Amino acid sequence: MKVLDLQCSQLHVFEGWFASEDDFQSQLTRGLVSCPLCGDSVVTKKLSAPRLNLSTSATPQEVAAANHSELAQLQSALLTMARHVVANTTDVGDRFPEEARKMHYGETEHRNIRGQATPEETEALIDEGIAVMPLPLPESIKEPLQ
């Protein structure tokens, strides 16, 4: 099993596990490899090397690896939160501003919703005192994971 460090064109870094280099190239060619954060299928392999403990002081490579690990943990936490939002809300699509207003003004029961709104619509909702929070959700989390 090969564990590869990958990066999408949006500079999100993530790991991919493949049976071999040929398996990775085959999946990449067929468009099966995509960023788990944004769904971007423009993915490149980052340079990586095994970690060797040869001294007690941290090398620049070890510092970079630690920073990469922290970034991966943050991305993982973001994905976990986004999956929680998807699992516990109803997608109302582009009807989001309308549905949020109906709930705010008591026309319908309150429920957890998500959807799309333009920046202008979001600002108007906030001006009306309706609590909304823009949260970009990658399309890939809306589908079951393999």
C-alpha atoms as a PDB file:
ATOM      1  CA  MET A   1       0.000   0.000   0.000  1.00  0.00           C
ATOM      2  CA  LYS A   2       1.365   3.437  -0.967  1.00  0.00           C
ATOM      3  CA  VAL A   3       0.389   6.520   1.004  1.00  0.00           C
ATOM      4  CA  LEU A   4       0.828   9.614  -1.153  1.00  0.00           C
ATOM      5  CA  ASP A   5       0.713  13.271  -0.192  1.00  0.00           C
ATOM      6  CA  LEU A   6      -1.603  14.953  -2.694  1.00  0.00           C
ATOM      7  CA  GLN A   7      -2.604  18.553  -3.367  1.00  0.00           C
ATOM      8  CA  CYS A   8      -5.478  20.036  -5.367  1.00  0.00           C
ATOM      9  CA  SER A   9      -5.329  23.227  -7.426  1.00  0.00           C
ATOM     10  CA  GLN A  10      -6.879  25.086  -4.458  1.00  0.00           C
ATOM     11  CA  LEU A  11      -3.766  24.100  -2.419  1.00  0.00           C
ATOM     12  CA  HIS A  12      -5.624  21.724  -0.087  1.00  0.00           C
ATOM     13  CA  VAL A  13      -3.242  18.981   1.028  1.00  0.00           C
ATOM     14  CA  PHE A  14      -4.508  15.460   1.713  1.00  0.00           C
ATOM     15  CA  GLU A  15      -3.393  11.838   1.713  1.00  0.00           C
ATOM     16  CA  GLY A  16      -4.342   9.140  -0.733  1.00  0.00           C
ATOM     17  CA  TRP A  17      -3.843   5.400  -0.260  1.00  0.00           C
ATOM     18  CA  PHE A  18      -3.192   3.349  -3.373  1.00  0.00           C
ATOM     19  CA  ALA A  19      -2.134  -0.211  -4.130  1.00  0.00           C
ATOM     20  CA  SER A  20       0.729   1.047  -6.313  1.00  0.00           C
ATOM     21  CA  GLU A  21       1.956   4.009  -8.342  1.00  0.00           C
ATOM     22  CA  ASP A  22       0.201   2.504 -11.377  1.00  0.00           C
ATOM     23  CA  ASP A  23      -3.052   2.327  -9.395  1.00  0.00           C
ATOM     24  CA  PHE A  24      -2.711   6.010  -8.469  1.00  0.00           C
ATOM     25  CA  GLN A  25      -2.014   7.035 -12.090  1.00  0.00           C
ATOM     26  CA  SER A  26      -4.925   4.914 -13.344  1.00  0.00           C
ATOM     27  CA  GLN A  27      -7.384   6.432 -10.862  1.00  0.00           C
ATOM     28  CA  LEU A  28      -6.082   9.937 -11.567  1.00  0.00           C
ATOM     29  CA  THR A  29      -6.487   9.454 -15.338  1.00  0.00           C
ATOM     30  CA  ARG A  30     -10.052   8.187 -14.879  1.00  0.00           C
ATOM     31  CA  GLY A  31     -10.969  11.201 -12.710  1.00  0.00           C
ATOM     32  CA  LEU A  32     -11.475   9.100  -9.582  1.00  0.00           C
ATOM     33  CA  VAL A  33      -9.099  11.114  -7.394  1.00  0.00           C
ATOM     34  CA  SER A  34     -10.497  14.352  -5.989  1.00  0.00           C
ATOM     35  CA  CYS A  35      -9.927  16.661  -3.046  1.00  0.00           C
ATOM     36  CA  PRO A  36     -12.059  15.654  -0.051  1.00  0.00           C
ATOM     37  CA  LEU A  37     -12.387  19.316   0.934  1.00  0.00           C
ATOM     38  CA  CYS A  38     -13.506  20.985  -2.291  1.00  0.00           C
ATOM     39  CA  GLY A  39     -14.041  18.125  -4.750  1.00  0.00           C
ATOM     40  CA  ASP A  40     -11.406  19.475  -7.170  1.00  0.00           C
ATOM     41  CA  SER A  41     -10.184  16.716  -9.480  1.00  0.00           C
ATOM     42  CA  VAL A  42      -7.048  18.625 -10.533  1.00  0.00           C
ATOM     43  CA  VAL A  43      -4.721  16.759  -8.190  1.00  0.00           C
ATOM     44  CA  THR A  44      -0.944  16.562  -8.101  1.00  0.00           C
ATOM     45  CA  LYS A  45       1.374  14.380  -6.099  1.00  0.00           C
ATOM     46  CA  LYS A  46       3.572  16.251  -3.625  1.00  0.00           C
ATOM     47  CA  LEU A  47       7.140  15.256  -2.931  1.00  0.00           C
ATOM     48  CA  SER A  48       7.426  13.125   0.169  1.00  0.00           C
ATOM     49  CA  ALA A  49      10.061  11.023   1.811  1.00  0.00           C
ATOM     50  CA  PRO A  50      10.158   8.622   4.736  1.00  0.00           C
ATOM     51  CA  ARG A  51      10.926  10.214   8.077  1.00  0.00           C
ATOM     52  CA  LEU A  52      14.267   9.150   9.508  1.00  0.00           C
ATOM     53  CA  ASN A  53      15.285   9.879  13.099  1.00  0.00           C
ATOM     54  CA  LEU A  54      18.989  10.545  12.676  1.00  0.00           C
ATOM     55  CA  SER A  55      19.451  13.310  15.256  1.00  0.00           C
ATOM     56  CA  THR A  56      17.749  14.826  18.253  1.00  0.00           C
ATOM     57  CA  SER A  57      17.320  18.331  16.812  1.00  0.00           C
ATOM     58  CA  ALA A  58      14.458  19.137  14.483  1.00  0.00           C
ATOM     59  CA  THR A  59      15.449  19.475  10.851  1.00  0.00           C
ATOM     60  CA  PRO A  60      13.635  21.808   8.438  1.00  0.00           C
ATOM     61  CA  GLN A  61      11.995  18.709   6.950  1.00  0.00           C
ATOM     62  CA  GLU A  62      10.684  17.648  10.373  1.00  0.00           C
ATOM     63  CA  VAL A  63       9.322  21.140  11.015  1.00  0.00           C
ATOM     64  CA  ALA A  64       7.624  21.071   7.605  1.00  0.00           C
ATOM     65  CA  ALA A  65       6.208  17.612   8.373  1.00  0.00           C
ATOM     66  CA  ALA A  66       4.823  18.878  11.699  1.00  0.00           C
ATOM     67  CA  ASN A  67       3.207  21.855   9.944  1.00  0.00           C
ATOM     68  CA  HIS A  68       1.755  19.500   7.324  1.00  0.00           C
ATOM     69  CA  SER A  69       0.361  17.344  10.121  1.00  0.00           C
ATOM     70  CA  GLU A  70      -1.283  20.351  11.794  1.00  0.00           C
ATOM     71  CA  LEU A  71      -2.802  21.425   8.472  1.00  0.00           C
ATOM     72  CA  ALA A  72      -4.101  17.897   7.886  1.00  0.00           C
ATOM     73  CA  GLN A  73      -5.665  17.899  11.374  1.00  0.00           C
ATOM     74  CA  LEU A  74      -7.389  21.232  10.671  1.00  0.00           C
ATOM     75  CA  GLN A  75      -8.688  19.974   7.341  1.00  0.00           C
ATOM     76  CA  SER A  76      -9.925  16.806   9.033  1.00  0.00           C
ATOM     77  CA  ALA A  77     -11.732  18.842  11.689  1.00  0.00           C
ATOM     78  CA  LEU A  78     -13.339  20.999   8.975  1.00  0.00           C
ATOM     79  CA  LEU A  79     -14.524  17.906   7.105  1.00  0.00           C
ATOM     80  CA  THR A  80     -15.900  16.371  10.312  1.00  0.00           C
ATOM     81  CA  MET A  81     -17.829  19.566  11.067  1.00  0.00           C
ATOM     82  CA  ALA A  82     -19.108  19.825   7.490  1.00  0.00           C
ATOM     83  CA  ARG A  83     -20.311  16.197   7.543  1.00  0.00           C
ATOM     84  CA  HIS A  84     -22.124  16.920  10.826  1.00  0.00           C
ATOM     85  CA  VAL A  85     -23.846  19.919   9.233  1.00  0.00           C
ATOM     86  CA  VAL A  86     -24.910  17.856   6.201  1.00  0.00           C
ATOM     87  CA  ALA A  87     -26.190  14.997   8.384  1.00  0.00           C
ATOM     88  CA  ASN A  88     -28.209  17.296  10.664  1.00  0.00           C
ATOM     89  CA  THR A  89     -29.746  19.794   8.234  1.00  0.00           C
ATOM     90  CA  THR A  90     -32.201  19.824   5.364  1.00  0.00           C
ATOM     91  CA  ASP A  91     -30.924  21.155   2.033  1.00  0.00           C
ATOM     92  CA  VAL A  92     -33.406  23.744   0.752  1.00  0.00           C
ATOM     93  CA  GLY A  93     -31.185  24.790  -2.158  1.00  0.00           C
ATOM     94  CA  ASP A  94     -31.681  28.272  -3.554  1.00  0.00           C
ATOM     95  CA  ARG A  95     -34.878  28.680  -1.478  1.00  0.00           C
ATOM     96  CA  PHE A  96     -32.664  29.283   1.579  1.00  0.00           C
ATOM     97  CA  PRO A  97     -33.432  33.034   2.031  1.00  0.00           C
ATOM     98  CA  GLU A  98     -37.177  32.415   1.659  1.00  0.00           C
ATOM     99  CA  GLU A  99     -37.189  29.447   4.075  1.00  0.00           C
ATOM    100  CA  ALA A 100     -35.052  31.308   6.635  1.00  0.00           C
ATOM    101  CA  ARG A 101     -37.473  34.266   6.562  1.00  0.00           C
ATOM    102  CA  LYS A 102     -40.512  31.984   6.958  1.00  0.00           C
ATOM    103  CA  MET A 103     -38.995  30.439  10.077  1.00  0.00           C
ATOM    104  CA  HIS A 104     -37.841  33.798  11.469  1.00  0.00           C
ATOM    105  CA  TYR A 105     -41.294  35.355  11.097  1.00  0.00           C
ATOM    106  CA  GLY A 106     -43.100  32.289  12.469  1.00  0.00           C
ATOM    107  CA  GLU A 107     -44.725  31.198   9.213  1.00  0.00           C
ATOM    108  CA  THR A 108     -43.185  27.706   9.470  1.00  0.00           C
ATOM    109  CA  GLU A 109     -41.661  25.606  12.233  1.00  0.00           C
ATOM    110  CA  HIS A 110     -38.004  26.103  13.056  1.00  0.00           C
ATOM    111  CA  ARG A 111     -35.687  23.423  11.683  1.00  0.00           C
ATOM    112  CA  ASN A 112     -32.046  23.168  10.728  1.00  0.00           C
ATOM    113  CA  ILE A 113     -31.604  24.127   7.075  1.00  0.00           C
ATOM    114  CA  ARG A 114     -28.785  24.771   4.639  1.00  0.00           C
ATOM    115  CA  GLY A 115     -28.781  26.071   1.091  1.00  0.00           C
ATOM    116  CA  GLN A 116     -27.454  28.710  -1.239  1.00  0.00           C
ATOM    117  CA  ALA A 117     -27.752  32.473  -0.979  1.00  0.00           C
ATOM    118  CA  THR A 118     -25.948  35.265  -2.754  1.00  0.00           C
ATOM    119  CA  PRO A 119     -23.787  37.625  -0.681  1.00  0.00           C
ATOM    120  CA  GLU A 120     -26.505  40.272  -1.103  1.00  0.00           C
ATOM    121  CA  GLU A 121     -29.230  37.881   0.114  1.00  0.00           C
ATOM    122  CA  THR A 122     -27.063  36.871   3.081  1.00  0.00           C
ATOM    123  CA  GLU A 123     -26.467  40.515   4.006  1.00  0.00           C
ATOM    124  CA  ALA A 124     -30.209  41.254   3.755  1.00  0.00           C
ATOM    125  CA  LEU A 125     -31.011  38.314   6.061  1.00  0.00           C
ATOM    126  CA  ILE A 126     -28.466  39.542   8.613  1.00  0.00           C
ATOM    127  CA  ASP A 127     -29.887  43.103   8.371  1.00  0.00           C
ATOM    128  CA  GLU A 128     -33.331  41.645   9.201  1.00  0.00           C
ATOM    129  CA  GLY A 129     -31.888  40.027  12.317  1.00  0.00           C
ATOM    130  CA  ILE A 130     -31.913  36.513  10.903  1.00  0.00           C
ATOM    131  CA  ALA A 131     -28.929  34.516  12.141  1.00  0.00           C
ATOM    132  CA  VAL A 132     -27.174  32.937   9.166  1.00  0.00           C
ATOM    133  CA  MET A 133     -23.613  31.817   8.643  1.00  0.00           C
ATOM    134  CA  PRO A 134     -21.969  31.343   5.270  1.00  0.00           C
ATOM    135  CA  LEU A 135     -20.321  27.931   5.224  1.00  0.00           C
ATOM    136  CA  PRO A 136     -18.827  26.535   2.032  1.00  0.00           C
ATOM    137  CA  LEU A 137     -19.554  22.806   1.883  1.00  0.00           C
ATOM    138  CA  PRO A 138     -17.671  20.641  -0.590  1.00  0.00           C
ATOM    139  CA  GLU A 139     -19.951  18.692  -2.904  1.00  0.00           C
ATOM    140  CA  SER A 140     -18.024  15.519  -2.134  1.00  0.00           C
ATOM    141  CA  ILE A 141     -19.322  15.339   1.452  1.00  0.00           C
ATOM    142  CA  LYS A 142     -22.915  15.253   0.288  1.00  0.00           C
ATOM    143  CA  GLU A 143     -22.328  11.787  -1.179  1.00  0.00           C
ATOM    144  CA  PRO A 144     -21.582   8.564   0.700  1.00  0.00           C
ATOM    145  CA  LEU A 145     -17.916   7.827   1.219  1.00  0.00           C
ATOM    146  CA  GLN A 146     -16.462   4.615  -0.160  1.00  0.00           C
END
